[in-house]
Structures are given as structure tokens and as C-alpha cells.
């Protein structure tokens, strides 16, 4: 299960519990298995047990801002291409006034610092890009 799916599943559990309704067996089993494992091992990570964090060791998790950041970067880049967009990023880093990039960095986290990463983001060839397209 992808982290974003686990987040939806956890949200559904919370909604059902808040409504005072019983959890369906699949949700009850998923949630209980994670909780029991966590109570047996103080080092077990509940986020990983619930599937909210990537199993592949990457940074991507259910609450990551990377998919939104990458989508916003692709939208900002439009059709200008990775080199031209990277030049825009570099100009902004050097103190240039770019309100769109400033807002993106403030709201969604650090912007890519290499042309290689910009190319991967614009091509949708990142874990966050694949998550958005799934």
C-alpha cells in the first residue's frame, strides 16, 4: 500500500470511530495489527507499521509536501524546459524577486538545487511524481 492510500485509510478509521460506528474487518485488522506490534516493541515505528512512511527507505511519506511541491514546480515551469527553469531558480536563489518561487519554498519546502533534480521533477520521474500520477 502506498503511503497516500494508508493516510486515506487512517482518515477513514478516524471518521468511523468518531461516528461511534464499528470498523469494518479489514480496517480493524490493519489498525489492530499495527497497534499490537507497536505495543510489543518500543522501537517499532507506528508510521511504518501503518504504511504511512515509505518502505523503500525514501523520504516520501503520507504527509509529505513533495508531491504538491513537484506539481507546483511543473506548473510554474510550463513549457520552458528544465534548463530555463533551473536558471529561474538560480536567479531567485541569488536574491532575485520571484514571488511564486518564494511562496512555494515557504509553503512546500526546499526547492531543488540541481539541474538533474529539476529535470527529474519536470519529467515526473521522482517518487513524488509517480505518487501524484497513480
C-alpha atoms as a PDB file:
ATOM      1  CA  UNK A   1       0.000   0.000   0.000  1.00  0.00           C
ATOM      2  CA  UNK A   2       1.275   3.455  -0.873  1.00  0.00           C
ATOM      3  CA  UNK A   3       1.619   5.995   1.940  1.00  0.00           C
ATOM      4  CA  UNK A   4      -1.111   8.199   0.469  1.00  0.00           C
ATOM      5  CA  UNK A   5      -3.503   5.223   0.493  1.00  0.00           C
ATOM      6  CA  UNK A   6      -2.575   4.465   4.109  1.00  0.00           C
ATOM      7  CA  UNK A   7      -3.347   8.074   5.001  1.00  0.00           C
ATOM      8  CA  UNK A   8      -6.798   7.797   3.430  1.00  0.00           C
ATOM      9  CA  UNK A   9      -7.378   4.516   5.264  1.00  0.00           C
ATOM     10  CA  UNK A  10      -6.336   6.043   8.601  1.00  0.00           C
ATOM     11  CA  UNK A  11      -8.589   9.049   7.977  1.00  0.00           C
ATOM     12  CA  UNK A  12     -11.487   6.673   7.269  1.00  0.00           C
ATOM     13  CA  UNK A  13     -10.811   4.814  10.539  1.00  0.00           C
ATOM     14  CA  UNK A  14     -10.859   8.087  12.465  1.00  0.00           C
ATOM     15  CA  UNK A  15     -14.125   9.153  10.811  1.00  0.00           C
ATOM     16  CA  UNK A  16     -15.830   5.829  11.579  1.00  0.00           C
ATOM     17  CA  UNK A  17     -14.603   5.747  15.183  1.00  0.00           C
ATOM     18  CA  UNK A  18     -15.689   9.372  15.731  1.00  0.00           C
ATOM     19  CA  UNK A  19     -19.155   8.491  14.429  1.00  0.00           C
ATOM     20  CA  UNK A  20     -19.350   5.671  17.001  1.00  0.00           C
ATOM     21  CA  UNK A  21     -19.632   3.019  14.320  1.00  0.00           C
ATOM     22  CA  UNK A  22     -17.761  -0.304  14.256  1.00  0.00           C
ATOM     23  CA  UNK A  23     -14.762  -0.570  11.964  1.00  0.00           C
ATOM     24  CA  UNK A  24     -15.071  -2.936   9.008  1.00  0.00           C
ATOM     25  CA  UNK A  25     -12.951  -6.097   9.499  1.00  0.00           C
ATOM     26  CA  UNK A  26     -10.258  -5.034   7.007  1.00  0.00           C
ATOM     27  CA  UNK A  27      -9.705  -1.680   8.717  1.00  0.00           C
ATOM     28  CA  UNK A  28      -9.946  -3.193  12.192  1.00  0.00           C
ATOM     29  CA  UNK A  29      -7.337  -5.835  11.343  1.00  0.00           C
ATOM     30  CA  UNK A  30      -4.979  -3.304   9.734  1.00  0.00           C
ATOM     31  CA  UNK A  31      -5.171  -0.866  12.642  1.00  0.00           C
ATOM     32  CA  UNK A  32      -5.055  -3.534  15.368  1.00  0.00           C
ATOM     33  CA  UNK A  33      -2.075  -5.347  13.846  1.00  0.00           C
ATOM     34  CA  UNK A  34      -0.070  -2.108  13.800  1.00  0.00           C
ATOM     35  CA  UNK A  35      -1.063  -1.174  17.352  1.00  0.00           C
ATOM     36  CA  UNK A  36      -0.288  -4.620  18.798  1.00  0.00           C
ATOM     37  CA  UNK A  37       3.102  -4.707  17.088  1.00  0.00           C
ATOM     38  CA  UNK A  38       3.879  -1.221  18.417  1.00  0.00           C
ATOM     39  CA  UNK A  39       2.913  -2.149  21.991  1.00  0.00           C
ATOM     40  CA  UNK A  40       5.177  -5.220  21.845  1.00  0.00           C
ATOM     41  CA  UNK A  41       8.186  -3.285  20.604  1.00  0.00           C
ATOM     42  CA  UNK A  42       9.064   0.177  21.848  1.00  0.00           C
ATOM     43  CA  UNK A  43      11.328   0.668  18.837  1.00  0.00           C
ATOM     44  CA  UNK A  44       8.672  -0.136  16.241  1.00  0.00           C
ATOM     45  CA  UNK A  45       7.684   2.912  14.205  1.00  0.00           C
ATOM     46  CA  UNK A  46       3.899   3.272  14.114  1.00  0.00           C
ATOM     47  CA  UNK A  47       4.059   5.331  10.914  1.00  0.00           C
ATOM     48  CA  UNK A  48       5.865   2.466   9.170  1.00  0.00           C
ATOM     49  CA  UNK A  49       3.563  -0.153  10.691  1.00  0.00           C
ATOM     50  CA  UNK A  50       0.535   1.716   9.339  1.00  0.00           C
ATOM     51  CA  UNK A  51       2.220   2.212   5.970  1.00  0.00           C
ATOM     52  CA  UNK A  52       2.391   5.987   6.302  1.00  0.00           C
ATOM     53  CA  UNK A  53       6.134   6.013   5.558  1.00  0.00           C
ATOM     54  CA  UNK A  54       7.892   4.654   2.528  1.00  0.00           C
ATOM     55  CA  UNK A  55       9.211   1.119   2.928  1.00  0.00           C
ATOM     56  CA  UNK A  56      11.916   1.710   0.370  1.00  0.00           C
ATOM     57  CA  UNK A  57      13.837   3.950   2.723  1.00  0.00           C
ATOM     58  CA  UNK A  58      12.960   7.128   0.890  1.00  0.00           C
ATOM     59  CA  UNK A  59      11.772  10.361   2.458  1.00  0.00           C
ATOM     60  CA  UNK A  60       8.320  10.183   0.932  1.00  0.00           C
ATOM     61  CA  UNK A  61       5.530   9.594   3.396  1.00  0.00           C
ATOM     62  CA  UNK A  62       1.798  10.171   3.578  1.00  0.00           C
ATOM     63  CA  UNK A  63       2.119  13.709   4.896  1.00  0.00           C
ATOM     64  CA  UNK A  64       4.907  14.747   2.536  1.00  0.00           C
ATOM     65  CA  UNK A  65       4.658  18.078   0.746  1.00  0.00           C
ATOM     66  CA  UNK A  66       6.874  16.799  -2.083  1.00  0.00           C
ATOM     67  CA  UNK A  67       4.047  15.705  -4.437  1.00  0.00           C
ATOM     68  CA  UNK A  68       2.373  19.123  -4.147  1.00  0.00           C
ATOM     69  CA  UNK A  69       5.728  20.918  -4.476  1.00  0.00           C
ATOM     70  CA  UNK A  70       6.686  18.954  -7.572  1.00  0.00           C
ATOM     71  CA  UNK A  71       3.283  19.516  -9.186  1.00  0.00           C
ATOM     72  CA  UNK A  72       3.551  23.246  -8.484  1.00  0.00           C
ATOM     73  CA  UNK A  73       7.059  23.324  -9.964  1.00  0.00           C
ATOM     74  CA  UNK A  74       5.839  21.566 -13.114  1.00  0.00           C
ATOM     75  CA  UNK A  75       3.014  24.085 -13.402  1.00  0.00           C
ATOM     76  CA  UNK A  76       5.382  27.037 -12.907  1.00  0.00           C
ATOM     77  CA  UNK A  77       7.844  25.652 -15.428  1.00  0.00           C
ATOM     78  CA  UNK A  78       5.190  25.273 -18.078  1.00  0.00           C
ATOM     79  CA  UNK A  79       6.864  24.502 -21.379  1.00  0.00           C
ATOM     80  CA  UNK A  80      10.107  26.434 -20.858  1.00  0.00           C
ATOM     81  CA  UNK A  81      12.182  23.317 -20.204  1.00  0.00           C
ATOM     82  CA  UNK A  82      14.452  22.265 -17.362  1.00  0.00           C
ATOM     83  CA  UNK A  83      17.457  24.465 -18.222  1.00  0.00           C
ATOM     84  CA  UNK A  84      15.439  27.667 -18.427  1.00  0.00           C
ATOM     85  CA  UNK A  85      13.513  26.804 -15.273  1.00  0.00           C
ATOM     86  CA  UNK A  86      16.743  25.980 -13.432  1.00  0.00           C
ATOM     87  CA  UNK A  87      18.082  29.396 -14.473  1.00  0.00           C
ATOM     88  CA  UNK A  88      14.955  30.953 -12.948  1.00  0.00           C
ATOM     89  CA  UNK A  89      15.575  29.018  -9.717  1.00  0.00           C
ATOM     90  CA  UNK A  90      19.217  30.129  -9.633  1.00  0.00           C
ATOM     91  CA  UNK A  91      18.235  33.766 -10.183  1.00  0.00           C
ATOM     92  CA  UNK A  92      15.770  33.502  -7.288  1.00  0.00           C
ATOM     93  CA  UNK A  93      18.441  31.914  -5.062  1.00  0.00           C
ATOM     94  CA  UNK A  94      20.816  34.755  -5.921  1.00  0.00           C
ATOM     95  CA  UNK A  95      18.308  37.251  -4.496  1.00  0.00           C
ATOM     96  CA  UNK A  96      16.024  37.756  -7.457  1.00  0.00           C
ATOM     97  CA  UNK A  97      12.409  38.655  -6.759  1.00  0.00           C
ATOM     98  CA  UNK A  98      10.149  35.757  -7.736  1.00  0.00           C
ATOM     99  CA  UNK A  99       7.001  35.759  -5.578  1.00  0.00           C
ATOM    100  CA  UNK A 100       5.821  32.402  -6.949  1.00  0.00           C
ATOM    101  CA  UNK A 101       9.051  30.599  -6.052  1.00  0.00           C
ATOM    102  CA  UNK A 102       9.213  32.350  -2.669  1.00  0.00           C
ATOM    103  CA  UNK A 103       5.678  31.220  -1.825  1.00  0.00           C
ATOM    104  CA  UNK A 104       6.443  27.684  -2.973  1.00  0.00           C
ATOM    105  CA  UNK A 105       9.561  27.443  -0.822  1.00  0.00           C
ATOM    106  CA  UNK A 106       7.729  28.913   2.168  1.00  0.00           C
ATOM    107  CA  UNK A 107       4.657  26.683   1.885  1.00  0.00           C
ATOM    108  CA  UNK A 108       6.015  23.425   0.490  1.00  0.00           C
ATOM    109  CA  UNK A 109       9.643  23.220   1.489  1.00  0.00           C
ATOM    110  CA  UNK A 110      13.065  23.492  -0.108  1.00  0.00           C
ATOM    111  CA  UNK A 111      13.290  23.830  -3.864  1.00  0.00           C
ATOM    112  CA  UNK A 112      15.579  21.591  -5.927  1.00  0.00           C
ATOM    113  CA  UNK A 113      19.172  22.723  -6.109  1.00  0.00           C
ATOM    114  CA  UNK A 114      20.467  20.787  -9.108  1.00  0.00           C
ATOM    115  CA  UNK A 115      19.627  20.718 -12.790  1.00  0.00           C
ATOM    116  CA  UNK A 116      19.446  16.932 -12.586  1.00  0.00           C
ATOM    117  CA  UNK A 117      16.726  17.083  -9.914  1.00  0.00           C
ATOM    118  CA  UNK A 118      14.819  19.767 -11.843  1.00  0.00           C
ATOM    119  CA  UNK A 119      14.882  17.505 -14.913  1.00  0.00           C
ATOM    120  CA  UNK A 120      13.578  14.560 -12.891  1.00  0.00           C
ATOM    121  CA  UNK A 121      10.798  16.640 -11.292  1.00  0.00           C
ATOM    122  CA  UNK A 122       9.643  18.175 -14.573  1.00  0.00           C
ATOM    123  CA  UNK A 123       9.637  14.730 -16.201  1.00  0.00           C
ATOM    124  CA  UNK A 124       7.634  13.288 -13.296  1.00  0.00           C
ATOM    125  CA  UNK A 125      10.452  10.828 -12.654  1.00  0.00           C
ATOM    126  CA  UNK A 126      10.509  11.101  -8.846  1.00  0.00           C
ATOM    127  CA  UNK A 127       8.728   9.113  -6.139  1.00  0.00           C
ATOM    128  CA  UNK A 128       6.546  12.162  -5.510  1.00  0.00           C
ATOM    129  CA  UNK A 129       5.782  12.482  -9.210  1.00  0.00           C
ATOM    130  CA  UNK A 130       4.834   8.839  -9.503  1.00  0.00           C
ATOM    131  CA  UNK A 131       2.646   9.134  -6.397  1.00  0.00           C
ATOM    132  CA  UNK A 132       0.766  12.049  -7.954  1.00  0.00           C
ATOM    133  CA  UNK A 133       0.185  10.204 -11.213  1.00  0.00           C
ATOM    134  CA  UNK A 134      -1.016   6.968  -9.572  1.00  0.00           C
END
